[in-house]
């Protein structure tokens, strides 16, 4: 998929994607692996998807700010944020 390839090379391009693409799991996952902050532009549903949020915070600890509040108390997510913050 050309869109997945595009955001895999420049995750921030998700900002300019359609709502449909912002709700596409593969597109958002590729974007957040490249640039964690792309989580800001993901659909609300995907901002609450634990595996996408984990990928985003591994790439950029500040992506946690865009994660759904229901994940702010998730042990695995919080540990990854702490780990990433200490490493980077």
Protein backbone atom coordinates (compact mmCIF):
# COMPACT_ATOMS: atom_id res chain seq x y z
CA UNK A 1 0.00 0.00 0.00
CA UNK A 2 1.50 3.32 -1.09
CA UNK A 3 0.07 5.22 1.89
CA UNK A 4 1.64 2.80 4.37
CA UNK A 5 4.98 3.20 2.58
CA UNK A 6 4.64 6.99 2.65
CA UNK A 7 3.94 7.25 6.38
CA UNK A 8 6.56 4.59 7.14
CA UNK A 9 9.11 7.01 5.66
CA UNK A 10 7.56 10.17 7.10
CA UNK A 11 5.21 9.48 9.97
CA UNK A 12 4.19 13.09 10.30
CA UNK A 13 2.41 12.78 6.93
CA UNK A 14 -0.44 11.22 8.91
CA UNK A 15 -1.42 14.78 9.80
CA UNK A 16 -2.55 15.29 6.19
CA UNK A 17 -4.29 11.94 5.76
CA UNK A 18 -8.03 11.52 5.48
CA UNK A 19 -10.09 10.50 8.50
CA UNK A 20 -10.43 7.05 6.93
CA UNK A 21 -6.65 6.62 6.78
CA UNK A 22 -6.22 7.98 10.30
CA UNK A 23 -8.50 5.16 11.42
CA UNK A 24 -6.60 2.51 9.44
CA UNK A 25 -4.58 0.37 11.83
CA UNK A 26 -1.80 -0.47 9.36
CA UNK A 27 -1.35 3.16 8.31
CA UNK A 28 -1.24 4.45 11.88
CA UNK A 29 1.10 1.69 13.05
CA UNK A 30 3.53 2.46 10.22
CA UNK A 31 3.38 6.18 11.00
CA UNK A 32 3.96 5.79 14.73
CA UNK A 33 6.88 3.40 14.17
CA UNK A 34 8.52 6.18 12.14
CA UNK A 35 7.43 9.11 14.32
CA UNK A 36 5.73 8.45 17.64
CA UNK A 37 4.14 11.89 17.67
CA UNK A 38 2.01 10.84 14.71
CA UNK A 39 -0.26 9.31 17.35
CA UNK A 40 -1.71 12.81 17.73
CA UNK A 41 -3.34 12.44 14.30
CA UNK A 42 -4.67 8.91 14.74
CA UNK A 43 -8.37 8.31 15.26
CA UNK A 44 -9.63 8.34 18.84
CA UNK A 45 -10.11 4.59 18.64
CA UNK A 46 -6.51 3.96 17.62
CA UNK A 47 -5.20 6.39 20.25
CA UNK A 48 -6.70 3.89 22.67
CA UNK A 49 -5.15 0.84 21.02
CA UNK A 50 -2.49 -0.45 23.38
CA UNK A 51 -0.11 -1.94 20.83
CA UNK A 52 -0.12 1.21 18.70
CA UNK A 53 0.47 3.40 21.75
CA UNK A 54 3.33 1.14 22.85
CA UNK A 55 5.00 1.48 19.44
CA UNK A 56 4.51 5.25 19.53
CA UNK A 57 6.04 5.72 22.99
CA UNK A 58 8.95 3.42 22.13
CA UNK A 59 9.72 5.87 19.34
CA UNK A 60 8.86 9.08 21.19
CA UNK A 61 8.00 9.15 24.90
CA UNK A 62 6.01 12.37 24.39
CA UNK A 63 3.52 10.43 22.26
CA UNK A 64 2.04 9.34 25.60
CA UNK A 65 0.37 12.77 25.67
CA UNK A 66 -1.80 11.69 22.73
CA UNK A 67 -2.75 8.27 24.09
CA UNK A 68 -6.30 7.74 25.23
CA UNK A 69 -6.74 8.46 28.92
CA UNK A 70 -7.87 4.86 29.49
CA UNK A 71 -4.23 3.81 28.83
CA UNK A 72 -2.67 6.34 31.21
CA UNK A 73 -3.05 3.88 34.06
CA UNK A 74 -2.03 0.80 32.09
CA UNK A 75 0.99 -0.77 33.76
CA UNK A 76 2.71 -1.92 30.56
CA UNK A 77 2.28 1.44 28.84
CA UNK A 78 3.48 3.41 31.86
CA UNK A 79 6.51 1.13 32.25
CA UNK A 80 7.40 1.63 28.58
CA UNK A 81 7.10 5.40 28.97
CA UNK A 82 9.36 5.30 32.02
CA UNK A 83 11.83 3.00 30.30
CA UNK A 84 11.92 5.10 27.14
CA UNK A 85 12.26 8.32 29.13
CA UNK A 86 15.23 6.92 31.07
CA UNK A 87 16.94 5.62 27.94
CA UNK A 88 16.46 8.60 25.75
